[in-house]
Amino acid sequence: MPEKAFPADKYKGTIHSNQGWQYQHHSYHHFLESKGSRPSISRKGNSPDNGMMESFFGILKLEIFYGYENSYQSLDELEGAITDDIFTTTTNESKQN
């Protein structure tokens, strides 16, 4: 699944994540390196390390996921809702306008 997050050319940047085991796994780090990226993981018990991203994902989940889990028929539909939410938040307008 992470392959879908990267375009054909290499993405040079930092990928922010939490302390989940999948993000600490060697194969995940190797995958990011193969794409020219690097991981950013908070130190255990030190949430300010990645606080802005943790806050962003917490708000995103509250706005479009919690309570709506059964509303999405597919991952594509959920992805569209996430994209719309980010677009609306960052531009203060809706795609439908």
Protein backbone atom coordinates (compact mmCIF):
# COMPACT_ATOMS: atom_id res chain seq x y z
CA MET A 1 0.00 0.00 0.00
CA PRO A 2 2.73 2.62 0.66
CA GLU A 3 3.79 2.38 -2.99
CA LYS A 4 0.62 4.30 -3.92
CA ALA A 5 1.77 7.26 -1.83
CA PHE A 6 4.82 7.90 -4.01
CA PRO A 7 4.88 9.15 -7.60
CA ALA A 8 7.03 7.39 -10.19
CA ASP A 9 9.91 9.78 -9.57
CA LYS A 10 11.56 9.88 -6.17
CA TYR A 11 9.98 11.92 -3.42
CA LYS A 12 12.63 13.71 -1.42
CA GLY A 13 11.27 14.50 1.98
CA THR A 14 10.35 13.36 5.43
CA ILE A 15 7.45 11.03 6.14
CA HIS A 16 5.88 11.68 9.55
CA SER A 17 4.38 8.81 11.52
CA ASN A 18 3.64 7.69 15.04
CA GLN A 19 5.26 4.97 17.17
CA GLY A 20 3.25 2.15 15.53
CA TRP A 21 5.22 -1.07 15.08
CA GLN A 22 4.78 -0.96 11.30
CA TYR A 23 6.58 2.40 11.16
CA GLN A 24 9.46 1.11 13.26
CA HIS A 25 9.96 -2.00 11.14
CA HIS A 26 13.19 -2.29 9.15
CA SER A 27 11.35 -3.04 5.89
CA TYR A 28 9.41 0.25 6.17
CA HIS A 29 12.61 2.24 6.70
CA HIS A 30 14.25 0.40 3.78
CA PHE A 31 11.23 1.19 1.57
CA LEU A 32 11.45 4.90 2.41
CA GLU A 33 15.18 4.94 1.71
CA SER A 34 14.54 3.33 -1.69
CA LYS A 35 12.19 6.24 -2.47
CA GLY A 36 14.69 8.87 -1.35
CA SER A 37 12.78 9.70 1.83
CA ARG A 38 13.37 9.33 5.53
CA PRO A 39 11.07 8.60 8.46
CA SER A 40 10.21 10.96 11.29
CA ILE A 41 9.11 9.13 14.42
CA SER A 42 8.59 10.68 17.83
CA ARG A 43 10.78 9.45 20.63
CA LYS A 44 8.80 7.27 23.00
CA GLY A 45 7.08 9.37 25.64
CA ASN A 46 8.05 12.63 23.92
CA SER A 47 5.06 13.68 21.84
CA PRO A 48 6.33 17.23 21.14
CA ASP A 49 8.79 15.67 18.67
CA ASN A 50 5.99 15.10 16.19
CA GLY A 51 3.25 17.08 17.92
CA MET A 52 2.06 19.06 14.92
CA MET A 53 1.51 15.93 12.82
CA GLU A 54 -0.08 14.04 15.72
CA SER A 55 -2.49 16.96 16.19
CA PHE A 56 -3.26 17.11 12.46
CA PHE A 57 -4.10 13.41 12.24
CA GLY A 58 -6.14 13.55 15.46
CA ILE A 59 -8.29 16.39 14.11
CA LEU A 60 -8.59 14.71 10.70
CA LYS A 61 -9.85 11.48 12.29
CA LEU A 62 -12.35 13.41 14.42
CA GLU A 63 -13.69 15.35 11.43
CA ILE A 64 -14.05 12.60 8.85
CA PHE A 65 -13.59 9.16 10.38
CA TYR A 66 -14.79 8.62 13.95
CA GLY A 67 -18.52 7.98 13.79
CA TYR A 68 -18.40 7.61 9.99
CA GLU A 69 -16.44 4.35 9.74
CA ASN A 70 -19.29 2.55 7.97
CA SER A 71 -20.09 5.46 5.65
CA TYR A 72 -17.25 4.81 3.23
CA GLN A 73 -17.78 2.08 0.65
CA SER A 74 -14.13 1.89 -0.40
CA LEU A 75 -10.66 3.16 0.37
CA ASP A 76 -10.96 5.43 -2.66
CA GLU A 77 -14.05 7.03 -1.13
CA LEU A 78 -12.25 7.56 2.19
CA GLU A 79 -9.24 8.97 0.32
CA GLY A 80 -11.56 11.40 -1.48
CA ALA A 81 -13.06 12.53 1.83
CA ILE A 82 -9.56 13.10 3.25
CA THR A 83 -8.50 15.06 0.16
CA ASP A 84 -11.66 17.19 0.29
CA ASP A 85 -11.18 17.88 4.01
CA ILE A 86 -7.56 18.95 3.54
CA PHE A 87 -8.47 21.10 0.51
CA THR A 88 -11.31 22.78 2.40
CA THR A 89 -9.16 23.36 5.47
CA THR A 90 -6.18 24.78 3.58
CA THR A 91 -8.10 26.93 1.10
CA ASN A 92 -11.21 27.81 3.14
CA GLU A 93 -13.39 26.74 0.25
CA SER A 94 -15.03 23.60 -1.02
CA LYS A 95 -14.20 21.80 -4.27
CA GLN A 96 -17.92 21.94 -5.12
CA ASN A 97 -17.82 25.77 -5.31
